[in-house]
Amino acid sequence: MLKDNTVFVGNKPVMNYVLAVVTQFNNGADEVAIKARGKAISRAVDTAEIALNRFLDGVAKKEIVTSTEVIDTDSGKTNVSSIEIVLMNQK
């Protein structure tokens, strides 16, 4: 997986990330990973579903990886859930 084929989901509107995913595939990418942590996870799932259902033909979910990352905060270490949704071109 190439790093430049990764869309990191944050606090922007979902359609911004959908556009980024569709652009990656239109530019010839075979796989695109959608990554998010914490509260952005639901936005990442929305991004994948909207991209698959409305914009991308011949693209499917390859894998979904969930994990917990330990990050340093002002009040010490804390656990944050993360998700990676990999979409793959089937053509």
PDB file of N, CA and C in Angstrom:
ATOM      1  N   MET A   1       0.856  -1.186   0.000  1.00  0.00           N
ATOM      2  CA  MET A   1       0.000   0.000   0.000  1.00  0.00           C
ATOM      3  C   MET A   1       0.896   1.241   0.000  1.00  0.00           C
ATOM      4  N   LEU A   2       0.664   2.093  -0.945  1.00  0.00           N
ATOM      5  CA  LEU A   2       1.421   3.326  -1.021  1.00  0.00           C
ATOM      6  C   LEU A   2       0.842   4.352  -0.066  1.00  0.00           C
ATOM      7  N   LYS A   3       1.720   5.091   0.591  1.00  0.00           N
ATOM      8  CA  LYS A   3       1.259   6.082   1.557  1.00  0.00           C
ATOM      9  C   LYS A   3       0.408   7.172   0.906  1.00  0.00           C
ATOM     10  N   ASP A   4       0.726   7.523  -0.356  1.00  0.00           N
ATOM     11  CA  ASP A   4      -0.022   8.604  -0.991  1.00  0.00           C
ATOM     12  C   ASP A   4      -1.432   8.173  -1.408  1.00  0.00           C
ATOM     13  N   ASN A   5      -1.756   6.893  -1.247  1.00  0.00           N
ATOM     14  CA  ASN A   5      -3.109   6.421  -1.529  1.00  0.00           C
ATOM     15  C   ASN A   5      -3.906   6.267  -0.239  1.00  0.00           C
ATOM     16  N   THR A   6      -3.564   7.058   0.754  1.00  0.00           N
ATOM     17  CA  THR A   6      -4.259   7.024   2.038  1.00  0.00           C
ATOM     18  C   THR A   6      -4.979   8.342   2.266  1.00  0.00           C
ATOM     19  N   VAL A   7      -6.252   8.236   2.645  1.00  0.00           N
ATOM     20  CA  VAL A   7      -7.033   9.420   2.976  1.00  0.00           C
ATOM     21  C   VAL A   7      -7.231   9.419   4.489  1.00  0.00           C
ATOM     22  N   PHE A   8      -6.705  10.426   5.159  1.00  0.00           N
ATOM     23  CA  PHE A   8      -6.861  10.541   6.603  1.00  0.00           C
ATOM     24  C   PHE A   8      -8.101  11.376   6.901  1.00  0.00           C
ATOM     25  N   VAL A   9      -9.050  10.784   7.614  1.00  0.00           N
ATOM     26  CA  VAL A   9     -10.319  11.451   7.884  1.00  0.00           C
ATOM     27  C   VAL A   9     -10.238  12.210   9.204  1.00  0.00           C
ATOM     28  N   GLY A  10     -10.649  13.472   9.157  1.00  0.00           N
ATOM     29  CA  GLY A  10     -10.656  14.324  10.349  1.00  0.00           C
ATOM     30  C   GLY A  10     -12.011  14.961  10.544  1.00  0.00           C
ATOM     31  N   ASN A  11     -12.028  16.289  10.677  1.00  0.00           N
ATOM     32  CA  ASN A  11     -13.260  16.995  11.029  1.00  0.00           C
ATOM     33  C   ASN A  11     -13.945  17.721   9.877  1.00  0.00           C
ATOM     34  N   LYS A  12     -13.440  17.572   8.668  1.00  0.00           N
ATOM     35  CA  LYS A  12     -14.068  18.231   7.518  1.00  0.00           C
ATOM     36  C   LYS A  12     -15.361  17.507   7.145  1.00  0.00           C
ATOM     37  N   PRO A  13     -16.172  18.124   6.291  1.00  0.00           N
ATOM     38  CA  PRO A  13     -17.396  17.433   5.842  1.00  0.00           C
ATOM     39  C   PRO A  13     -17.065  16.142   5.092  1.00  0.00           C
ATOM     40  N   VAL A  14     -17.956  15.172   5.190  1.00  0.00           N
ATOM     41  CA  VAL A  14     -17.730  13.844   4.605  1.00  0.00           C
ATOM     42  C   VAL A  14     -17.435  13.935   3.105  1.00  0.00           C
ATOM     43  N   MET A  15     -18.139  14.804   2.397  1.00  0.00           N
ATOM     44  CA  MET A  15     -17.963  14.864   0.946  1.00  0.00           C
ATOM     45  C   MET A  15     -16.552  15.273   0.538  1.00  0.00           C
ATOM     46  N   ASN A  16     -15.841  16.002   1.388  1.00  0.00           N
ATOM     47  CA  ASN A  16     -14.439  16.329   1.097  1.00  0.00           C
ATOM     48  C   ASN A  16     -13.609  15.049   0.989  1.00  0.00           C
ATOM     49  N   TYR A  17     -13.851  14.106   1.890  1.00  0.00           N
ATOM     50  CA  TYR A  17     -13.096  12.854   1.897  1.00  0.00           C
ATOM     51  C   TYR A  17     -13.551  11.930   0.780  1.00  0.00           C
ATOM     52  N   VAL A  18     -14.858  11.932   0.483  1.00  0.00           N
ATOM     53  CA  VAL A  18     -15.374  11.137  -0.637  1.00  0.00           C
ATOM     54  C   VAL A  18     -14.700  11.594  -1.929  1.00  0.00           C
ATOM     55  N   LEU A  19     -14.624  12.909  -2.124  1.00  0.00           N
ATOM     56  CA  LEU A  19     -13.973  13.456  -3.309  1.00  0.00           C
ATOM     57  C   LEU A  19     -12.509  13.027  -3.376  1.00  0.00           C
ATOM     58  N   ALA A  20     -11.825  13.024  -2.245  1.00  0.00           N
ATOM     59  CA  ALA A  20     -10.423  12.610  -2.213  1.00  0.00           C
ATOM     60  C   ALA A  20     -10.269  11.146  -2.625  1.00  0.00           C
ATOM     61  N   VAL A  21     -11.173  10.278  -2.127  1.00  0.00           N
ATOM     62  CA  VAL A  21     -11.126   8.847  -2.466  1.00  0.00           C
ATOM     63  C   VAL A  21     -11.393   8.642  -3.958  1.00  0.00           C
ATOM     64  N   VAL A  22     -12.448   9.288  -4.474  1.00  0.00           N
ATOM     65  CA  VAL A  22     -12.801   9.146  -5.887  1.00  0.00           C
ATOM     66  C   VAL A  22     -11.663   9.659  -6.767  1.00  0.00           C
ATOM     67  N   THR A  23     -11.047  10.765  -6.372  1.00  0.00           N
ATOM     68  CA  THR A  23      -9.922  11.316  -7.129  1.00  0.00           C
ATOM     69  C   THR A  23      -8.761  10.342  -7.189  1.00  0.00           C
ATOM     70  N   GLN A  24      -8.469   9.675  -6.074  1.00  0.00           N
ATOM     71  CA  GLN A  24      -7.382   8.687  -6.050  1.00  0.00           C
ATOM     72  C   GLN A  24      -7.631   7.593  -7.081  1.00  0.00           C
ATOM     73  N   PHE A  25      -8.864   7.054  -7.110  1.00  0.00           N
ATOM     74  CA  PHE A  25      -9.180   5.995  -8.071  1.00  0.00           C
ATOM     75  C   PHE A  25      -9.152   6.533  -9.503  1.00  0.00           C
ATOM     76  N   ASN A  26      -9.649   7.732  -9.720  1.00  0.00           N
ATOM     77  CA  ASN A  26      -9.630   8.326 -11.066  1.00  0.00           C
ATOM     78  C   ASN A  26      -8.211   8.567 -11.564  1.00  0.00           C
ATOM     79  N   ASN A  27      -7.274   8.744 -10.637  1.00  0.00           N
ATOM     80  CA  ASN A  27      -5.872   8.943 -10.998  1.00  0.00           C
ATOM     81  C   ASN A  27      -5.122   7.625 -11.164  1.00  0.00           C
ATOM     82  N   GLY A  28      -5.843   6.503 -11.137  1.00  0.00           N
ATOM     83  CA  GLY A  28      -5.229   5.218 -11.442  1.00  0.00           C
ATOM     84  C   GLY A  28      -4.845   4.352 -10.260  1.00  0.00           C
ATOM     85  N   ALA A  29      -5.224   4.740  -9.046  1.00  0.00           N
ATOM     86  CA  ALA A  29      -4.882   3.926  -7.874  1.00  0.00           C
ATOM     87  C   ALA A  29      -5.670   2.612  -7.893  1.00  0.00           C
ATOM     88  N   ASP A  30      -5.016   1.514  -7.531  1.00  0.00           N
ATOM     89  CA  ASP A  30      -5.696   0.221  -7.431  1.00  0.00           C
ATOM     90  C   ASP A  30      -6.323   0.031  -6.054  1.00  0.00           C
ATOM     91  N   GLU A  31      -5.711   0.650  -5.052  1.00  0.00           N
ATOM     92  CA  GLU A  31      -6.211   0.553  -3.679  1.00  0.00           C
ATOM     93  C   GLU A  31      -6.146   1.932  -3.034  1.00  0.00           C
ATOM     94  N   VAL A  32      -7.128   2.205  -2.187  1.00  0.00           N
ATOM     95  CA  VAL A  32      -7.122   3.437  -1.405  1.00  0.00           C
ATOM     96  C   VAL A  32      -7.503   3.074   0.023  1.00  0.00           C
ATOM     97  N   ALA A  33      -6.719   3.545   0.983  1.00  0.00           N
ATOM     98  CA  ALA A  33      -7.012   3.300   2.394  1.00  0.00           C
ATOM     99  C   ALA A  33      -7.638   4.547   2.998  1.00  0.00           C
ATOM    100  N   ILE A  34      -8.691   4.338   3.773  1.00  0.00           N
ATOM    101  CA  ILE A  34      -9.338   5.429   4.499  1.00  0.00           C
ATOM    102  C   ILE A  34      -9.029   5.188   5.972  1.00  0.00           C
ATOM    103  N   LYS A  35      -8.351   6.140   6.607  1.00  0.00           N
ATOM    104  CA  LYS A  35      -7.951   5.957   8.001  1.00  0.00           C
ATOM    105  C   LYS A  35      -8.570   7.032   8.877  1.00  0.00           C
ATOM    106  N   ALA A  36      -8.930   6.628  10.101  1.00  0.00           N
ATOM    107  CA  ALA A  36      -9.480   7.590  11.058  1.00  0.00           C
ATOM    108  C   ALA A  36      -9.255   7.096  12.476  1.00  0.00           C
ATOM    109  N   ARG A  37      -9.294   8.048  13.416  1.00  0.00           N
ATOM    110  CA  ARG A  37      -9.170   7.709  14.831  1.00  0.00           C
ATOM    111  C   ARG A  37     -10.293   8.386  15.612  1.00  0.00           C
ATOM    112  N   GLY A  38     -10.669   7.752  16.699  1.00  0.00           N
ATOM    113  CA  GLY A  38     -11.609   8.363  17.646  1.00  0.00           C
ATOM    114  C   GLY A  38     -12.948   8.723  17.042  1.00  0.00           C
ATOM    115  N   LYS A  39     -13.361   9.966  17.274  1.00  0.00           N
ATOM    116  CA  LYS A  39     -14.693  10.407  16.849  1.00  0.00           C
ATOM    117  C   LYS A  39     -14.833  10.492  15.332  1.00  0.00           C
ATOM    118  N   ALA A  40     -13.721  10.468  14.600  1.00  0.00           N
ATOM    119  CA  ALA A  40     -13.787  10.558  13.134  1.00  0.00           C
ATOM    120  C   ALA A  40     -14.083   9.206  12.487  1.00  0.00           C
ATOM    121  N   ILE A  41     -14.139   8.140  13.281  1.00  0.00           N
ATOM    122  CA  ILE A  41     -14.366   6.799  12.717  1.00  0.00           C
ATOM    123  C   ILE A  41     -15.699   6.732  11.974  1.00  0.00           C
ATOM    124  N   SER A  42     -16.750   7.288  12.543  1.00  0.00           N
ATOM    125  CA  SER A  42     -18.053   7.231  11.869  1.00  0.00           C
ATOM    126  C   SER A  42     -18.013   7.996  10.551  1.00  0.00           C
ATOM    127  N   ARG A  43     -17.235   9.074  10.503  1.00  0.00           N
ATOM    128  CA  ARG A  43     -17.088   9.837   9.265  1.00  0.00           C
ATOM    129  C   ARG A  43     -16.332   9.019   8.217  1.00  0.00           C
ATOM    130  N   ALA A  44     -15.359   8.213   8.655  1.00  0.00           N
ATOM    131  CA  ALA A  44     -14.621   7.350   7.731  1.00  0.00           C
ATOM    132  C   ALA A  44     -15.530   6.281   7.141  1.00  0.00           C
ATOM    133  N   VAL A  45     -16.399   5.708   7.974  1.00  0.00           N
ATOM    134  CA  VAL A  45     -17.343   4.695   7.494  1.00  0.00           C
ATOM    135  C   VAL A  45     -18.308   5.332   6.496  1.00  0.00           C
ATOM    136  N   ASP A  46     -18.808   6.525   6.815  1.00  0.00           N
ATOM    137  CA  ASP A  46     -19.687   7.241   5.889  1.00  0.00           C
ATOM    138  C   ASP A  46     -18.974   7.509   4.563  1.00  0.00           C
ATOM    139  N   THR A  47     -17.714   7.916   4.640  1.00  0.00           N
ATOM    140  CA  THR A  47     -16.926   8.191   3.436  1.00  0.00           C
ATOM    141  C   THR A  47     -16.850   6.964   2.542  1.00  0.00           C
ATOM    142  N   ALA A  48     -16.531   5.816   3.129  1.00  0.00           N
ATOM    143  CA  ALA A  48     -16.408   4.579   2.358  1.00  0.00           C
ATOM    144  C   ALA A  48     -17.744   4.198   1.731  1.00  0.00           C
ATOM    145  N   GLU A  49     -18.811   4.260   2.500  1.00  0.00           N
ATOM    146  CA  GLU A  49     -20.121   3.837   1.999  1.00  0.00           C
ATOM    147  C   GLU A  49     -20.633   4.764   0.895  1.00  0.00           C
ATOM    148  N   ILE A  50     -20.480   6.066   1.070  1.00  0.00           N
ATOM    149  CA  ILE A  50     -20.934   7.004   0.047  1.00  0.00           C
ATOM    150  C   ILE A  50     -20.121   6.825  -1.233  1.00  0.00           C
ATOM    151  N   ALA A  51     -18.801   6.678  -1.090  1.00  0.00           N
ATOM    152  CA  ALA A  51     -17.950   6.493  -2.265  1.00  0.00           C
ATOM    153  C   ALA A  51     -18.333   5.223  -3.016  1.00  0.00           C
ATOM    154  N   LEU A  52     -18.548   4.146  -2.289  1.00  0.00           N
ATOM    155  CA  LEU A  52     -18.879   2.864  -2.928  1.00  0.00           C
ATOM    156  C   LEU A  52     -20.269   2.879  -3.548  1.00  0.00           C
ATOM    157  N   ASN A  53     -21.241   3.417  -2.834  1.00  0.00           N
ATOM    158  CA  ASN A  53     -22.629   3.319  -3.282  1.00  0.00           C
ATOM    159  C   ASN A  53     -23.024   4.348  -4.337  1.00  0.00           C
ATOM    160  N   ARG A  54     -22.381   5.510  -4.342  1.00  0.00           N
ATOM    161  CA  ARG A  54     -22.808   6.571  -5.250  1.00  0.00           C
ATOM    162  C   ARG A  54     -21.837   6.868  -6.381  1.00  0.00           C
ATOM    163  N   PHE A  55     -20.534   6.662  -6.152  1.00  0.00           N
ATOM    164  CA  PHE A  55     -19.549   7.189  -7.094  1.00  0.00           C
ATOM    165  C   PHE A  55     -18.662   6.162  -7.779  1.00  0.00           C
ATOM    166  N   LEU A  56     -18.400   5.057  -7.149  1.00  0.00           N
ATOM    167  CA  LEU A  56     -17.401   4.129  -7.679  1.00  0.00           C
ATOM    168  C   LEU A  56     -18.017   2.821  -8.143  1.00  0.00           C
ATOM    169  N   ASP A  57     -17.838   2.497  -9.430  1.00  0.00           N
ATOM    170  CA  ASP A  57     -18.251   1.193  -9.951  1.00  0.00           C
ATOM    171  C   ASP A  57     -17.021   0.293  -9.989  1.00  0.00           C
ATOM    172  N   GLY A  58     -17.214  -0.989  -9.668  1.00  0.00           N
ATOM    173  CA  GLY A  58     -16.106  -1.934  -9.733  1.00  0.00           C
ATOM    174  C   GLY A  58     -15.108  -1.799  -8.603  1.00  0.00           C
ATOM    175  N   VAL A  59     -15.511  -1.121  -7.536  1.00  0.00           N
ATOM    176  CA  VAL A  59     -14.646  -0.976  -6.360  1.00  0.00           C
ATOM    177  C   VAL A  59     -15.342  -1.631  -5.178  1.00  0.00           C
ATOM    178  N   ALA A  60     -14.586  -2.380  -4.380  1.00  0.00           N
ATOM    179  CA  ALA A  60     -15.165  -3.071  -3.231  1.00  0.00           C
ATOM    180  C   ALA A  60     -14.261  -2.910  -2.016  1.00  0.00           C
ATOM    181  N   LYS A  61     -14.818  -3.236  -0.854  1.00  0.00           N
ATOM    182  CA  LYS A  61     -14.017  -3.230   0.369  1.00  0.00           C
ATOM    183  C   LYS A  61     -13.092  -4.435   0.341  1.00  0.00           C
ATOM    184  N   LYS A  62     -11.810  -4.194   0.515  1.00  0.00           N
ATOM    185  CA  LYS A  62     -10.840  -5.289   0.560  1.00  0.00           C
ATOM    186  C   LYS A  62     -10.681  -5.782   1.993  1.00  0.00           C
ATOM    187  N   GLU A  63     -10.471  -4.844   2.898  1.00  0.00           N
ATOM    188  CA  GLU A  63     -10.343  -5.226   4.308  1.00  0.00           C
ATOM    189  C   GLU A  63     -10.654  -4.036   5.202  1.00  0.00           C
ATOM    190  N   ILE A  64     -11.039  -4.364   6.421  1.00  0.00           N
ATOM    191  CA  ILE A  64     -11.282  -3.354   7.447  1.00  0.00           C
ATOM    192  C   ILE A  64     -10.475  -3.763   8.673  1.00  0.00           C
ATOM    193  N   VAL A  65      -9.582  -2.885   9.088  1.00  0.00           N
ATOM    194  CA  VAL A  65      -8.717  -3.185  10.228  1.00  0.00           C
ATOM    195  C   VAL A  65      -9.048  -2.215  11.357  1.00  0.00           C
ATOM    196  N   THR A  66      -9.349  -2.762  12.521  1.00  0.00           N
ATOM    197  CA  THR A  66      -9.570  -1.913  13.688  1.00  0.00           C
ATOM    198  C   THR A  66      -8.447  -2.141  14.685  1.00  0.00           C
ATOM    199  N   SER A  67      -8.104  -1.112  15.420  1.00  0.00           N
ATOM    200  CA  SER A  67      -7.044  -1.244  16.411  1.00  0.00           C
ATOM    201  C   SER A  67      -7.194  -0.153  17.467  1.00  0.00           C
ATOM    202  N   THR A  68      -6.357  -0.238  18.468  1.00  0.00           N
ATOM    203  CA  THR A  68      -6.308   0.784  19.504  1.00  0.00           C
ATOM    204  C   THR A  68      -4.899   1.350  19.535  1.00  0.00           C
ATOM    205  N   GLU A  69      -4.806   2.658  19.462  1.00  0.00           N
ATOM    206  CA  GLU A  69      -3.511   3.319  19.502  1.00  0.00           C
ATOM    207  C   GLU A  69      -3.377   4.054  20.830  1.00  0.00           C
ATOM    208  N   VAL A  70      -2.175   4.005  21.398  1.00  0.00           N
ATOM    209  CA  VAL A  70      -1.899   4.728  22.636  1.00  0.00           C
ATOM    210  C   VAL A  70      -1.250   6.047  22.251  1.00  0.00           C
ATOM    211  N   ILE A  71      -1.871   7.149  22.643  1.00  0.00           N
ATOM    212  CA  ILE A  71      -1.307   8.460  22.328  1.00  0.00           C
ATOM    213  C   ILE A  71      -1.044   9.242  23.605  1.00  0.00           C
ATOM    214  N   ASP A  72      -0.061  10.129  23.529  1.00  0.00           N
ATOM    215  CA  ASP A  72       0.272  10.978  24.665  1.00  0.00           C
ATOM    216  C   ASP A  72      -0.591  12.232  24.650  1.00  0.00           C
ATOM    217  N   THR A  73      -1.182  12.535  25.789  1.00  0.00           N
ATOM    218  CA  THR A  73      -1.948  13.770  25.915  1.00  0.00           C
ATOM    219  C   THR A  73      -1.390  14.567  27.086  1.00  0.00           C
ATOM    220  N   ASP A  74      -1.961  15.717  27.341  1.00  0.00           N
ATOM    221  CA  ASP A  74      -1.508  16.557  28.454  1.00  0.00           C
ATOM    222  C   ASP A  74      -1.684  15.842  29.793  1.00  0.00           C
ATOM    223  N   SER A  75      -2.698  14.967  29.853  1.00  0.00           N
ATOM    224  CA  SER A  75      -2.981  14.273  31.116  1.00  0.00           C
ATOM    225  C   SER A  75      -2.422  12.850  31.131  1.00  0.00           C
ATOM    226  N   GLY A  76      -1.431  12.580  30.300  1.00  0.00           N
ATOM    227  CA  GLY A  76      -0.823  11.246  30.273  1.00  0.00           C
ATOM    228  C   GLY A  76      -1.193  10.479  29.021  1.00  0.00           C
ATOM    229  N   LYS A  77      -1.036   9.158  29.082  1.00  0.00           N
ATOM    230  CA  LYS A  77      -1.334   8.323  27.922  1.00  0.00           C
ATOM    231  C   LYS A  77      -2.813   7.954  27.908  1.00  0.00           C
ATOM    232  N   THR A  78      -3.368   7.856  26.710  1.00  0.00           N
ATOM    233  CA  THR A  78      -4.764   7.454  26.577  1.00  0.00           C
ATOM    234  C   THR A  78      -4.924   6.570  25.347  1.00  0.00           C
ATOM    235  N   ASN A  79      -5.941   5.731  25.376  1.00  0.00           N
ATOM    236  CA  ASN A  79      -6.202   4.842  24.245  1.00  0.00           C
ATOM    237  C   ASN A  79      -7.204   5.486  23.297  1.00  0.00           C
ATOM    238  N   VAL A  80      -6.917   5.364  22.004  1.00  0.00           N
ATOM    239  CA  VAL A  80      -7.819   5.894  20.985  1.00  0.00           C
ATOM    240  C   VAL A  80      -8.070   4.792  19.962  1.00  0.00           C
ATOM    241  N   SER A  81      -9.334   4.538  19.683  1.00  0.00           N
ATOM    242  CA  SER A  81      -9.684   3.542  18.673  1.00  0.00           C
ATOM    243  C   SER A  81      -9.331   4.079  17.295  1.00  0.00           C
ATOM    244  N   SER A  82      -8.950   3.166  16.390  1.00  0.00           N
ATOM    245  CA  SER A  82      -8.676   3.596  15.016  1.00  0.00           C
ATOM    246  C   SER A  82      -9.208   2.550  14.048  1.00  0.00           C
ATOM    247  N   ILE A  83      -9.456   2.997  12.808  1.00  0.00           N
ATOM    248  CA  ILE A  83      -9.973   2.110  11.775  1.00  0.00           C
ATOM    249  C   ILE A  83      -9.257   2.414  10.472  1.00  0.00           C
ATOM    250  N   GLU A  84      -9.037   1.376   9.690  1.00  0.00           N
ATOM    251  CA  GLU A  84      -8.496   1.538   8.342  1.00  0.00           C
ATOM    252  C   GLU A  84      -9.395   0.716   7.411  1.00  0.00           C
ATOM    253  N   ILE A  85     -10.018   1.387   6.451  1.00  0.00           N
ATOM    254  CA  ILE A  85     -10.879   0.725   5.478  1.00  0.00           C
ATOM    255  C   ILE A  85     -10.152   0.775   4.139  1.00  0.00           C
ATOM    256  N   VAL A  86      -9.821  -0.396   3.605  1.00  0.00           N
ATOM    257  CA  VAL A  86      -9.106  -0.456   2.333  1.00  0.00           C
ATOM    258  C   VAL A  86     -10.088  -0.791   1.219  1.00  0.00           C
ATOM    259  N   LEU A  87     -10.171   0.085   0.229  1.00  0.00           N
ATOM    260  CA  LEU A  87     -11.015  -0.131  -0.940  1.00  0.00           C
ATOM    261  C   LEU A  87     -10.121  -0.568  -2.099  1.00  0.00           C
ATOM    262  N   MET A  88     -10.599  -1.531  -2.894  1.00  0.00           N
ATOM    263  CA  MET A  88      -9.794  -2.070  -3.979  1.00  0.00           C
ATOM    264  C   MET A  88     -10.573  -2.049  -5.287  1.00  0.00           C
ATOM    265  N   ASN A  89      -9.885  -1.632  -6.359  1.00  0.00           N
ATOM    266  CA  ASN A  89     -10.471  -1.633  -7.693  1.00  0.00           C
ATOM    267  C   ASN A  89     -10.507  -3.072  -8.209  1.00  0.00           C
ATOM    268  N   GLN A  90     -11.663  -3.548  -8.663  1.00  0.00           N
ATOM    269  CA  GLN A  90     -11.803  -4.933  -9.107  1.00  0.00           C
ATOM    270  C   GLN A  90     -11.729  -5.065 -10.622  1.00  0.00           C
ATOM    271  N   LYS A  91     -11.536  -3.955 -11.322  1.00  0.00           N
ATOM    272  CA  LYS A  91     -11.505  -4.022 -12.788  1.00  0.00           C
ATOM    273  C   LYS A  91     -10.167  -4.513 -13.279  1.00  0.00           C
TER     274      LYS A  91
END
